[in-house]
Amino acid sequence: EQVSNQVRAVIVDEPAACPRYVGQVIEDVDVSGLSPLWLTEKLRRCGARSINPIVDITNFVMFELGQPMHAFDNDKLQGAICIRYAKSGEKLELLDGQECPLSEETLTIADDTGVLAIAGIMGGQQSSVVEDTTNIFLESAFFAPRVIIGKSRQYGLHTDSSHRFERGVDFEIQKKAIERAGQLIVDICGGKPGPIVDKVSDDDLPELKQVKLRRGQVERLLGLTLVDEDIEKILSSLGLQLESDVGGWLVTVPSFRFDIEIEADLIEEIARIYGYNN
């Protein structure tokens, strides 16, 4: 429910590197308390420590939905948020305190004063959420894997966020993630959410993949004969769409299964659901 009119403009200079960027301002949050036990316990079981309620919520949503998120202190930002490559000589003081010189092929999140974060990898110290933060700007974005791959290695920053972006993130989940995080923030920290800004470049988003599955290959690779109905039932129950094709099917892969690229991947799914023990 929208109770604030605060909006921070978002400018995407590099739509090919960042095809979707979703942002939202939430005002009047209280970060001084502790996260509830259920939240810190879930994070602990995922191998993450509790930092403060806002950071904990963004980490929790990352584990829950697979979408990395970042929260900035909105009062420390100036002007529009801009997704651009770093300029020569720019530096960023990271969350861990080290100062990091940026190369010109590093995608960054910046405002009018300079770089705030290395896109998809780590936020900066200057705009981070601390105990006396009262207004935040939430980020939920899709960065192209090629932009992130190698960058975490180059800077020696191996974060949960970079691991996910390198391997692929569902490119249709960003708005759902920001709504989920916003709801949790209001429940735990109070606050007034503003309108959600959704910047998307449809031409630059990945296309849904189509993979051909041949009937004979299923039997050849698995050594068992399955009737068409069973194969169709297994794959469609996983959210894949099947169209009959000569000798098999043409399978459309949903955005959240970025790990399925070739025929063998589909056959592996059939084996997994049919049961290796069978």
Protein backbone atom coordinates (compact mmCIF):
# COMPACT_ATOMS: atom_id res chain seq x y z
CA GLU A 1 0.00 0.00 0.00
CA GLN A 2 1.51 3.28 -1.12
CA VAL A 3 1.69 5.86 1.62
CA SER A 4 4.59 8.03 0.48
CA ASN A 5 5.09 10.03 -2.71
CA GLN A 6 8.86 9.91 -2.48
CA VAL A 7 10.40 8.71 -5.73
CA ARG A 8 14.04 8.70 -6.75
CA ALA A 9 14.56 8.90 -10.51
CA VAL A 10 16.49 6.05 -12.15
CA ILE A 11 18.54 6.48 -15.33
CA VAL A 12 19.90 3.37 -17.03
CA ASP A 13 22.80 4.40 -19.29
CA GLU A 14 23.69 0.78 -20.09
CA PRO A 15 20.47 -1.16 -20.78
CA ALA A 16 22.40 -4.07 -22.35
CA ALA A 17 24.29 -4.56 -19.06
CA CYS A 18 21.28 -3.81 -16.84
CA PRO A 19 18.07 -4.62 -18.74
CA ARG A 20 15.88 -4.23 -15.65
CA TYR A 21 16.28 -2.00 -12.60
CA VAL A 22 13.53 -1.71 -9.98
CA GLY A 23 13.80 0.86 -7.19
CA GLN A 24 11.65 2.04 -4.28
CA VAL A 25 11.96 4.62 -1.53
CA ILE A 26 10.68 3.65 1.93
CA GLU A 27 10.50 6.49 4.47
CA ASP A 28 10.42 6.55 8.27
CA VAL A 29 11.94 3.14 8.94
CA ASP A 30 13.37 2.20 12.33
CA VAL A 31 16.65 0.32 11.96
CA SER A 32 17.71 0.58 15.60
CA GLY A 33 15.94 -2.57 16.80
CA LEU A 34 17.01 -6.19 16.42
CA SER A 35 15.72 -8.48 13.70
CA PRO A 36 13.11 -10.96 14.96
CA LEU A 37 14.38 -14.38 15.97
CA TRP A 38 12.77 -16.20 13.02
CA LEU A 39 14.72 -13.97 10.62
CA THR A 40 18.14 -14.21 12.30
CA GLU A 41 17.66 -17.96 12.68
CA LYS A 42 16.79 -18.47 9.01
CA LEU A 43 19.84 -16.39 8.02
CA ARG A 44 22.07 -18.36 10.38
CA ARG A 45 20.92 -21.60 8.79
CA CYS A 46 21.81 -20.14 5.38
CA GLY A 47 25.29 -19.24 6.67
CA ALA A 48 24.73 -15.49 7.01
CA ARG A 49 25.05 -13.35 10.12
CA SER A 50 22.55 -10.73 11.23
CA ILE A 51 23.68 -7.12 10.55
CA ASN A 52 20.60 -4.91 10.94
CA PRO A 53 16.92 -5.48 10.11
CA ILE A 54 17.06 -3.86 6.63
CA VAL A 55 20.19 -5.71 5.48
CA ASP A 56 18.86 -8.92 7.04
CA ILE A 57 15.61 -8.63 5.08
CA THR A 58 17.39 -8.04 1.75
CA ASN A 59 19.63 -11.06 2.46
CA PHE A 60 16.63 -13.18 3.43
CA VAL A 61 14.78 -12.30 0.19
CA MET A 62 17.93 -13.22 -1.76
CA PHE A 63 17.97 -16.67 -0.14
CA GLU A 64 14.19 -17.08 -0.46
CA LEU A 65 13.67 -15.94 -4.06
CA GLY A 66 17.19 -15.98 -5.52
CA GLN A 67 17.19 -12.23 -6.22
CA PRO A 68 20.13 -10.25 -4.77
CA MET A 69 19.06 -6.86 -3.45
CA HIS A 70 20.71 -3.78 -1.99
CA ALA A 71 19.47 -1.02 0.30
CA PHE A 72 20.95 2.49 0.25
CA ASP A 73 20.46 5.21 2.84
CA ASN A 74 18.21 7.52 0.79
CA ASP A 75 19.30 10.66 2.70
CA LYS A 76 22.91 10.05 1.60
CA LEU A 77 21.97 10.01 -2.10
CA GLN A 78 21.87 13.06 -4.35
CA GLY A 79 19.96 13.33 -7.61
CA ALA A 80 19.03 10.41 -9.81
CA ILE A 81 20.36 6.87 -9.53
CA CYS A 82 22.40 6.14 -12.64
CA ILE A 83 23.55 2.72 -13.88
CA ARG A 84 26.76 3.38 -15.82
CA TYR A 85 30.31 2.20 -16.30
CA ALA A 86 32.96 3.68 -14.01
CA LYS A 87 35.00 6.62 -15.30
CA SER A 88 38.76 6.72 -15.30
CA GLY A 89 40.17 7.36 -11.81
CA GLU A 90 36.93 6.73 -9.89
CA LYS A 91 37.22 4.94 -6.54
CA LEU A 92 34.77 3.40 -4.10
CA GLU A 93 35.10 2.80 -0.38
CA LEU A 94 33.60 -0.64 0.09
CA LEU A 95 31.47 -1.92 2.96
CA ASP A 96 34.52 -3.65 4.43
CA GLY A 97 36.38 -0.31 4.56
CA GLN A 98 38.89 -0.90 1.77
CA GLU A 99 39.18 1.69 -1.00
CA CYS A 100 38.84 0.18 -4.43
CA PRO A 101 40.07 1.88 -7.66
CA LEU A 102 37.57 1.06 -10.43
CA SER A 103 38.34 0.01 -13.99
CA GLU A 104 36.35 1.54 -16.84
CA GLU A 105 34.65 -1.76 -17.69
CA THR A 106 33.12 -2.05 -14.21
CA LEU A 107 29.37 -1.46 -14.12
CA THR A 108 28.41 0.80 -11.23
CA ILE A 109 25.42 2.32 -9.48
CA ALA A 110 26.05 6.05 -9.10
CA ASP A 111 24.31 9.28 -8.15
CA ASP A 112 25.16 12.92 -8.94
CA THR A 113 28.15 12.85 -6.57
CA GLY A 114 29.80 9.65 -7.81
CA VAL A 115 29.84 5.87 -7.53
CA LEU A 116 27.73 4.24 -4.78
CA ALA A 117 28.18 0.54 -5.52
CA ILE A 118 29.75 -2.00 -7.87
CA ALA A 119 26.72 -3.39 -9.68
CA GLY A 120 25.73 -6.85 -8.51
CA ILE A 121 28.78 -7.27 -6.28
CA MET A 122 29.06 -4.88 -3.32
CA GLY A 123 27.73 -1.61 -2.01
CA GLY A 124 29.79 1.33 -0.80
CA GLN A 125 30.36 2.46 2.77
CA GLN A 126 29.22 6.04 2.21
CA SER A 127 25.58 5.20 1.31
CA SER A 128 25.17 2.12 3.52
CA VAL A 129 22.24 1.61 5.90
CA VAL A 130 23.28 2.19 9.54
CA GLU A 131 21.51 2.31 12.90
CA ASP A 132 20.27 5.90 12.57
CA THR A 133 19.08 5.55 8.95
CA THR A 134 15.44 6.61 8.60
CA ASN A 135 14.82 6.58 4.83
CA ILE A 136 16.01 3.91 2.42
CA PHE A 137 16.19 3.32 -1.32
CA LEU A 138 15.76 -0.35 -2.25
CA GLU A 139 17.34 -1.81 -5.38
CA SER A 140 16.29 -5.00 -7.16
CA ALA A 141 17.93 -5.38 -10.57
CA PHE A 142 18.85 -7.84 -13.28
CA PHE A 143 22.46 -7.53 -14.45
CA ALA A 144 23.70 -9.48 -17.46
CA PRO A 145 25.98 -12.33 -16.24
CA ARG A 146 28.78 -11.32 -18.68
CA VAL A 147 29.08 -7.95 -16.89
CA ILE A 148 29.59 -9.55 -13.48
CA ILE A 149 31.72 -12.57 -14.48
CA GLY A 150 35.36 -11.91 -13.71
CA LYS A 151 34.70 -8.64 -11.90
CA SER A 152 34.35 -10.25 -8.47
CA ARG A 153 37.63 -12.08 -9.16
CA GLN A 154 39.32 -8.91 -10.35
CA TYR A 155 38.45 -7.13 -7.11
CA GLY A 156 38.73 -10.21 -4.88
CA LEU A 157 35.10 -9.78 -3.80
CA HIS A 158 33.26 -13.09 -3.78
CA THR A 159 29.80 -12.21 -2.51
CA ASP A 160 26.51 -14.14 -2.43
CA SER A 161 25.22 -11.52 -4.83
CA SER A 162 28.01 -11.89 -7.41
CA HIS A 163 27.80 -15.70 -7.28
CA ARG A 164 24.14 -15.50 -8.23
CA PHE A 165 24.47 -12.90 -10.98
CA GLU A 166 27.40 -14.78 -12.53
CA ARG A 167 25.40 -17.99 -12.72
CA GLY A 168 22.13 -16.36 -13.74
CA VAL A 169 19.13 -14.82 -12.00
CA ASP A 170 15.48 -15.02 -13.03
CA PHE A 171 14.99 -11.85 -15.13
CA GLU A 172 11.26 -11.61 -14.33
CA ILE A 173 11.42 -11.68 -10.52
CA GLN A 174 12.78 -8.22 -9.61
CA LYS A 175 9.42 -6.57 -8.89
CA LYS A 176 8.16 -9.55 -6.88
CA ALA A 177 11.36 -9.44 -4.78
CA ILE A 178 11.09 -5.70 -4.04
CA GLU A 179 7.42 -6.11 -3.06
CA ARG A 180 8.32 -8.99 -0.73
CA ALA A 181 11.20 -7.06 0.87
CA GLY A 182 9.09 -3.89 1.17
CA GLN A 183 6.33 -5.79 2.96
CA LEU A 184 8.80 -7.35 5.42
CA ILE A 185 10.44 -3.97 6.06
CA VAL A 186 7.09 -2.34 6.87
CA ASP A 187 6.15 -5.31 9.11
CA ILE A 188 9.46 -5.30 11.02
CA CYS A 189 10.75 -1.70 10.84
CA GLY A 190 7.61 0.27 10.09
CA GLY A 191 7.87 2.85 7.32
CA LYS A 192 5.99 4.35 4.42
CA PRO A 193 6.66 2.77 1.01
CA GLY A 194 6.71 5.00 -2.06
CA PRO A 195 5.81 4.02 -5.65
CA ILE A 196 7.90 1.30 -7.30
CA VAL A 197 10.00 2.50 -10.26
CA ASP A 198 10.46 -0.28 -12.84
CA LYS A 199 12.93 0.54 -15.62
CA VAL A 200 13.01 -2.22 -18.21
CA SER A 201 14.51 -2.56 -21.67
CA ASP A 202 12.58 -5.47 -23.22
CA ASP A 203 14.98 -5.68 -26.17
CA ASP A 204 17.90 -6.33 -23.83
CA LEU A 205 16.26 -8.92 -21.57
CA PRO A 206 17.25 -12.52 -22.33
CA GLU A 207 14.83 -14.42 -24.54
CA LEU A 208 13.07 -17.50 -23.21
CA LYS A 209 15.10 -20.46 -24.47
CA GLN A 210 13.63 -23.19 -26.62
CA VAL A 211 15.25 -26.63 -26.50
CA LYS A 212 14.47 -29.59 -28.75
CA LEU A 213 13.87 -32.91 -26.97
CA ARG A 214 14.00 -36.08 -29.07
CA ARG A 215 11.99 -39.07 -27.90
CA GLY A 216 14.78 -41.53 -28.79
CA GLN A 217 17.41 -39.61 -26.81
CA VAL A 218 15.50 -40.03 -23.55
CA GLU A 219 15.65 -43.79 -23.93
CA ARG A 220 19.23 -43.78 -25.22
CA LEU A 221 20.60 -41.72 -22.32
CA LEU A 222 18.48 -43.11 -19.48
CA GLY A 223 18.17 -46.72 -20.63
CA LEU A 224 14.46 -46.82 -19.89
CA THR A 225 11.33 -46.42 -21.96
CA LEU A 226 8.89 -43.76 -20.82
CA VAL A 227 5.55 -43.12 -22.49
CA ASP A 228 5.01 -39.65 -23.93
CA GLU A 229 2.43 -38.86 -21.28
CA ASP A 230 4.93 -39.41 -18.45
CA ILE A 231 7.60 -37.24 -20.10
CA GLU A 232 5.07 -34.45 -20.71
CA LYS A 233 3.72 -34.68 -17.16
CA ILE A 234 7.19 -34.49 -15.59
CA LEU A 235 8.40 -31.51 -17.63
CA SER A 236 5.17 -29.50 -17.52
CA SER A 237 4.99 -29.94 -13.73
CA LEU A 238 8.37 -28.14 -13.58
CA GLY A 239 6.95 -25.11 -15.41
CA LEU A 240 8.28 -26.04 -18.87
CA GLN A 241 5.99 -25.65 -21.87
CA LEU A 242 5.93 -28.45 -24.45
CA GLU A 243 4.87 -28.37 -28.09
CA SER A 244 4.81 -31.57 -30.13
CA ASP A 245 7.53 -31.60 -32.76
CA VAL A 246 8.85 -34.12 -35.28
CA GLY A 247 10.23 -37.04 -33.25
CA GLY A 248 9.69 -35.31 -29.92
CA TRP A 249 8.97 -31.89 -28.46
CA LEU A 250 10.00 -28.25 -28.59
CA VAL A 251 10.37 -27.19 -24.95
CA THR A 252 10.12 -23.53 -23.84
CA VAL A 253 12.14 -22.91 -20.68
CA PRO A 254 10.79 -20.43 -18.06
CA SER A 255 12.91 -17.47 -16.94
CA PHE A 256 13.67 -19.02 -13.54
CA ARG A 257 15.35 -22.10 -15.09
CA PHE A 258 18.41 -20.37 -16.57
CA ASP A 259 20.33 -23.64 -15.97
CA ILE A 260 18.51 -25.49 -18.78
CA GLU A 261 20.23 -24.93 -22.13
CA ILE A 262 20.58 -28.24 -23.99
CA GLU A 263 18.68 -31.48 -24.54
CA ALA A 264 20.72 -33.35 -21.91
CA ASP A 265 19.56 -30.83 -19.28
CA LEU A 266 15.94 -31.78 -19.98
CA ILE A 267 16.72 -35.50 -19.83
CA GLU A 268 18.48 -34.94 -16.51
CA GLU A 269 15.30 -33.31 -15.17
CA ILE A 270 13.24 -36.31 -16.31
CA ALA A 271 15.65 -38.69 -14.52
CA ARG A 272 15.60 -36.55 -11.37
CA ILE A 273 11.81 -36.51 -11.08
CA TYR A 274 11.31 -40.10 -12.27
CA GLY A 275 13.73 -41.05 -9.50
CA TYR A 276 17.36 -42.22 -9.83
CA ASN A 277 16.41 -45.15 -7.58
CA ASN A 278 13.94 -46.35 -10.23
